Amino acid sequence: MILFLPPPPPQPLDFHCKQCALVSNSGQMLGARKGKEIDQSDCVVRMNNAPTLGYEDDVGSKTSLRVISHTSVPLLLRNETRFFRQEADTVYVVWGPERNMRQDGKGRVYNALVKVTEKYPDAHIYMLTREKMLECDGIFQNETGKDRAKSHSWLSTGWFTMVIAIEMCDIIHVYGMVPPYHCGRSQPRKMPYHYYEPKGPDECATFIQNERGRRGNHHRFITEKQVFARWAKLYNITFSNPQW
């Protein structure tokens, strides 16, 4: 379940769209010129603090839903006026481990979000419940045969976003997400991990490093995309820029 943060009293998120554009943060979106097409979708789903200002031609300007990692909450708070006042119509769904989202006064991220709702009462901020987090872990294990914790894996924001989009959207068009075999090519074109950080780390280098990492928790980006490829056959999901 996805619950609204107080105030007002917690209540489940009621969000449904016929056609959703799910926009990746990938450097693949640089020069994509998909902005108008994206904005024509019924709903536009974005992740973390990915900006639209200055990138409208490539990624559009409309944002209906943002799925936020607990680690990205501080980045949103640096621009809290823009995210929670100027974009008050956007629905924010935050995911994170129980230690950060606990509601007994010790959940650092939860406490920060409650302060935001008090400061910006018109903001629509929700969080994944512990039960929903465990459900997403279970989906990962069912799809991969691997226990997330025992395999030292940390689900990505892309994973949570796709799970949520499948539940809330009848049709999903994903922009900028590379296929699982992309980084296995002999010499894939170098591309920044984020379109808004052109001098940041290389996308494939980041994917491969996380996929092969065994010490500490890592995002299994390539494994997740293998699952997404299977889901595309079960649900109404298409991928473009690049096209799968």
Protein backbone atom coordinates (compact mmCIF):
# COMPACT_ATOMS: atom_id res chain seq x y z
CA MET A 1 0.00 0.00 0.00
CA ILE A 2 1.08 3.56 -0.71
CA LEU A 3 0.01 5.93 2.05
CA PHE A 4 -0.35 9.70 2.18
CA LEU A 5 1.77 11.37 4.82
CA PRO A 6 0.09 13.43 7.57
CA PRO A 7 -1.48 15.92 7.55
CA PRO A 8 -4.24 14.99 6.65
CA PRO A 9 -4.74 11.51 8.16
CA PRO A 10 -2.95 8.80 6.15
CA GLN A 11 -4.94 7.38 3.26
CA PRO A 12 -4.10 5.17 0.26
CA LEU A 13 -3.00 6.75 -3.00
CA ASP A 14 -5.74 6.73 -5.62
CA PHE A 15 -3.93 7.30 -8.91
CA HIS A 16 -4.83 5.86 -12.29
CA CYS A 17 -3.96 6.85 -15.85
CA LYS A 18 -4.80 5.29 -19.18
CA GLN A 19 -1.50 6.20 -20.86
CA CYS A 20 1.71 6.96 -18.96
CA ALA A 21 5.08 8.18 -20.17
CA LEU A 22 7.79 6.86 -17.86
CA VAL A 23 10.87 9.02 -18.38
CA SER A 24 14.27 7.58 -17.49
CA ASN A 25 17.01 9.78 -16.04
CA SER A 26 19.47 8.25 -18.52
CA GLY A 27 21.85 10.28 -20.65
CA GLN A 28 20.08 8.59 -23.56
CA MET A 29 17.53 11.42 -23.29
CA LEU A 30 20.08 14.07 -24.26
CA GLY A 31 19.12 15.24 -27.72
CA ALA A 32 16.11 12.91 -27.81
CA ARG A 33 13.71 15.71 -28.79
CA LYS A 34 10.82 13.74 -27.23
CA GLY A 35 9.49 16.55 -25.04
CA LYS A 36 6.29 17.30 -26.96
CA GLU A 37 5.49 13.62 -27.36
CA ILE A 38 6.03 12.97 -23.64
CA ASP A 39 3.86 15.91 -22.58
CA GLN A 40 0.98 14.62 -24.72
CA SER A 41 0.67 11.54 -22.50
CA ASP A 42 -2.15 11.43 -19.97
CA CYS A 43 0.39 11.17 -17.16
CA VAL A 44 4.15 11.62 -17.01
CA VAL A 45 6.16 9.64 -14.46
CA ARG A 46 9.64 10.77 -13.45
CA MET A 47 12.21 9.62 -10.93
CA ASN A 48 14.05 11.28 -8.06
CA ASN A 49 15.10 14.90 -8.65
CA ALA A 50 15.43 14.72 -12.46
CA PRO A 51 14.88 18.29 -13.70
CA THR A 52 12.75 19.40 -16.61
CA LEU A 53 13.74 23.09 -16.63
CA GLY A 54 16.23 23.57 -19.44
CA TYR A 55 15.59 20.09 -20.83
CA GLU A 56 12.01 20.55 -22.02
CA ASP A 57 12.77 19.78 -25.69
CA ASP A 58 14.21 16.39 -24.75
CA VAL A 59 12.20 15.24 -21.72
CA GLY A 60 9.12 17.49 -21.62
CA SER A 61 7.88 19.71 -18.82
CA LYS A 62 4.86 17.85 -17.46
CA THR A 63 5.17 15.78 -14.27
CA SER A 64 2.24 13.85 -12.82
CA LEU A 65 4.09 11.45 -10.53
CA ARG A 66 7.61 11.29 -9.13
CA VAL A 67 8.98 8.18 -7.47
CA ILE A 68 11.69 9.22 -5.00
CA SER A 69 14.44 7.24 -3.30
CA HIS A 70 15.05 7.99 0.38
CA THR A 71 18.58 9.00 -0.64
CA SER A 72 17.22 11.63 -3.05
CA VAL A 73 14.94 13.36 -0.55
CA PRO A 74 17.74 15.77 0.55
CA LEU A 75 18.21 16.74 -3.12
CA LEU A 76 14.55 17.68 -3.39
CA LEU A 77 14.74 19.64 -0.14
CA ARG A 78 17.49 21.80 -1.64
CA ASN A 79 14.88 23.01 -4.13
CA GLU A 80 11.82 22.53 -1.95
CA THR A 81 10.01 25.62 -3.23
CA ARG A 82 10.14 24.37 -6.81
CA PHE A 83 9.18 20.79 -6.04
CA PHE A 84 6.58 21.26 -3.31
CA ARG A 85 5.11 24.69 -4.11
CA GLN A 86 5.60 25.39 -7.81
CA GLU A 87 4.95 21.73 -8.69
CA ALA A 88 2.35 21.15 -5.99
CA ASP A 89 0.11 19.22 -8.40
CA THR A 90 2.73 16.50 -8.73
CA VAL A 91 2.25 13.34 -6.67
CA TYR A 92 5.41 12.26 -4.84
CA VAL A 93 5.90 8.64 -3.78
CA VAL A 94 8.93 8.02 -1.55
CA TRP A 95 10.47 4.61 -0.92
CA GLY A 96 13.08 3.66 1.64
CA PRO A 97 14.14 1.11 4.25
CA GLU A 98 12.30 0.94 7.53
CA ARG A 99 15.18 2.51 9.46
CA ASN A 100 14.64 5.76 7.51
CA MET A 101 10.87 5.60 7.15
CA ARG A 102 9.84 4.44 10.63
CA GLN A 103 7.17 6.56 12.29
CA ASP A 104 8.28 6.39 15.93
CA GLY A 105 10.30 9.59 15.78
CA LYS A 106 13.49 7.81 14.69
CA GLY A 107 12.83 7.70 10.96
CA ARG A 108 15.05 10.46 9.63
CA VAL A 109 13.55 10.65 6.15
CA TYR A 110 9.99 10.20 7.38
CA ASN A 111 10.47 13.05 9.86
CA ALA A 112 11.82 15.31 7.12
CA LEU A 113 8.82 14.55 4.89
CA VAL A 114 6.35 15.26 7.66
CA LYS A 115 7.96 18.69 8.09
CA VAL A 116 7.54 19.28 4.35
CA THR A 117 3.82 18.45 4.50
CA GLU A 118 3.43 20.87 7.39
CA LYS A 119 5.26 23.63 5.50
CA TYR A 120 3.54 22.90 2.16
CA PRO A 121 0.07 21.56 3.02
CA ASP A 122 -0.95 21.43 -0.66
CA ALA A 123 1.88 19.01 -1.51
CA HIS A 124 0.88 15.43 -2.36
CA ILE A 125 3.48 13.27 -0.62
CA TYR A 126 3.08 9.54 -0.14
CA MET A 127 5.34 6.74 1.07
CA LEU A 128 5.61 3.02 0.45
CA THR A 129 4.57 1.07 3.51
CA ARG A 130 6.79 -1.65 4.96
CA GLU A 131 4.37 -4.21 3.53
CA LYS A 132 4.74 -2.71 0.03
CA MET A 133 8.52 -2.72 0.33
CA LEU A 134 8.44 -6.42 1.26
CA GLU A 135 6.10 -7.08 -1.66
CA CYS A 136 8.62 -5.50 -4.05
CA ASP A 137 11.35 -7.69 -2.54
CA GLY A 138 9.14 -10.71 -3.12
CA ILE A 139 8.57 -9.76 -6.75
CA PHE A 140 12.35 -9.54 -7.25
CA GLN A 141 12.86 -12.99 -5.75
CA ASN A 142 10.04 -14.53 -7.77
CA GLU A 143 11.38 -13.05 -11.00
CA THR A 144 15.09 -13.75 -10.47
CA GLY A 145 15.18 -16.69 -8.07
CA LYS A 146 17.45 -14.63 -5.81
CA ASP A 147 16.81 -13.28 -2.35
CA ARG A 148 17.48 -9.56 -2.59
CA ALA A 149 19.27 -9.24 0.75
CA LYS A 150 21.30 -12.46 0.46
CA SER A 151 22.42 -11.52 -3.05
CA HIS A 152 23.59 -8.12 -1.76
CA SER A 153 21.15 -6.33 -4.03
CA TRP A 154 19.42 -3.01 -3.50
CA LEU A 155 16.37 -2.42 -5.67
CA SER A 156 16.65 0.69 -7.82
CA THR A 157 14.19 3.56 -8.06
CA GLY A 158 13.56 2.30 -11.60
CA TRP A 159 12.34 -1.00 -10.13
CA PHE A 160 9.88 0.65 -7.77
CA THR A 161 8.76 3.03 -10.50
CA MET A 162 8.02 0.21 -12.93
CA VAL A 163 6.11 -1.79 -10.30
CA ILE A 164 4.03 1.28 -9.40
CA ALA A 165 3.43 2.20 -13.06
CA ILE A 166 2.18 -1.30 -13.87
CA GLU A 167 -0.34 -0.99 -11.07
CA MET A 168 -1.50 2.51 -11.99
CA CYS A 169 -1.22 2.79 -15.78
CA ASP A 170 -3.05 0.88 -18.51
CA ILE A 171 -0.40 1.69 -21.12
CA ILE A 172 3.25 2.49 -20.33
CA HIS A 173 5.70 4.06 -22.78
CA VAL A 174 9.22 4.09 -21.33
CA TYR A 175 11.70 6.67 -22.63
CA GLY A 176 15.49 6.45 -22.39
CA MET A 177 15.89 3.07 -20.67
CA VAL A 178 18.44 0.83 -22.39
CA PRO A 179 17.76 -2.89 -22.95
CA PRO A 180 19.52 -5.50 -20.78
CA TYR A 181 21.99 -6.47 -23.53
CA HIS A 182 23.00 -2.88 -24.33
CA CYS A 183 26.16 -2.78 -22.19
CA GLY A 184 27.25 -6.20 -23.45
CA ARG A 185 28.02 -4.79 -26.87
CA SER A 186 31.70 -4.58 -27.82
CA GLN A 187 31.94 -0.80 -27.64
CA PRO A 188 28.68 0.91 -26.67
CA ARG A 189 28.72 4.66 -27.12
CA LYS A 190 29.70 6.41 -23.91
CA MET A 191 26.72 8.06 -22.29
CA PRO A 192 26.33 9.90 -18.97
CA TYR A 193 24.39 8.04 -16.31
CA HIS A 194 22.07 11.06 -15.89
CA TYR A 195 21.02 13.41 -18.70
CA TYR A 196 21.32 16.37 -16.32
CA GLU A 197 24.89 15.47 -15.28
CA PRO A 198 26.77 15.33 -18.61
CA LYS A 199 30.14 15.12 -16.86
CA GLY A 200 28.96 12.42 -14.46
CA PRO A 201 29.83 8.70 -14.53
CA ASP A 202 29.38 6.61 -17.67
CA GLU A 203 26.08 4.73 -17.85
CA CYS A 204 27.40 1.30 -18.88
CA ALA A 205 30.35 1.48 -16.50
CA THR A 206 27.90 2.14 -13.67
CA PHE A 207 25.59 -0.68 -14.75
CA ILE A 208 28.39 -3.24 -15.08
CA GLN A 209 30.07 -2.23 -11.82
CA ASN A 210 26.79 -2.64 -9.92
CA GLU A 211 25.86 -5.89 -11.65
CA ARG A 212 29.19 -7.52 -10.81
CA GLY A 213 29.61 -6.08 -7.31
CA ARG A 214 29.62 -8.62 -4.50
CA ARG A 215 30.66 -6.61 -1.46
CA GLY A 216 28.09 -4.21 -0.09
CA ASN A 217 24.67 -3.75 -1.64
CA HIS A 218 24.43 -2.89 -5.33
CA HIS A 219 21.68 -2.04 -7.78
CA ARG A 220 21.30 -4.89 -10.26
CA PHE A 221 20.36 -2.65 -13.17
CA ILE A 222 20.96 -5.25 -15.88
CA THR A 223 19.07 -7.99 -14.03
CA GLU A 224 16.17 -5.60 -13.47
CA LYS A 225 16.03 -4.76 -17.17
CA GLN A 226 15.92 -8.47 -18.00
CA VAL A 227 12.79 -8.63 -15.84
CA PHE A 228 11.35 -5.52 -17.51
CA ALA A 229 11.83 -7.17 -20.91
CA ARG A 230 9.70 -10.10 -19.73
CA TRP A 231 7.11 -7.77 -18.26
CA ALA A 232 6.79 -5.97 -21.59
CA LYS A 233 5.28 -9.18 -22.98
CA LEU A 234 2.81 -9.46 -20.11
CA TYR A 235 1.77 -5.83 -19.76
CA ASN A 236 1.27 -3.02 -22.24
CA ILE A 237 4.85 -1.66 -22.05
CA THR A 238 6.91 -0.25 -24.91
CA PHE A 239 10.42 1.16 -24.88
CA SER A 240 11.88 3.89 -27.06
CA ASN A 241 15.01 5.99 -27.34
CA PRO A 242 16.41 3.35 -27.62
CA GLN A 243 13.71 1.05 -28.91
CA TRP A 244 13.71 -2.50 -27.57
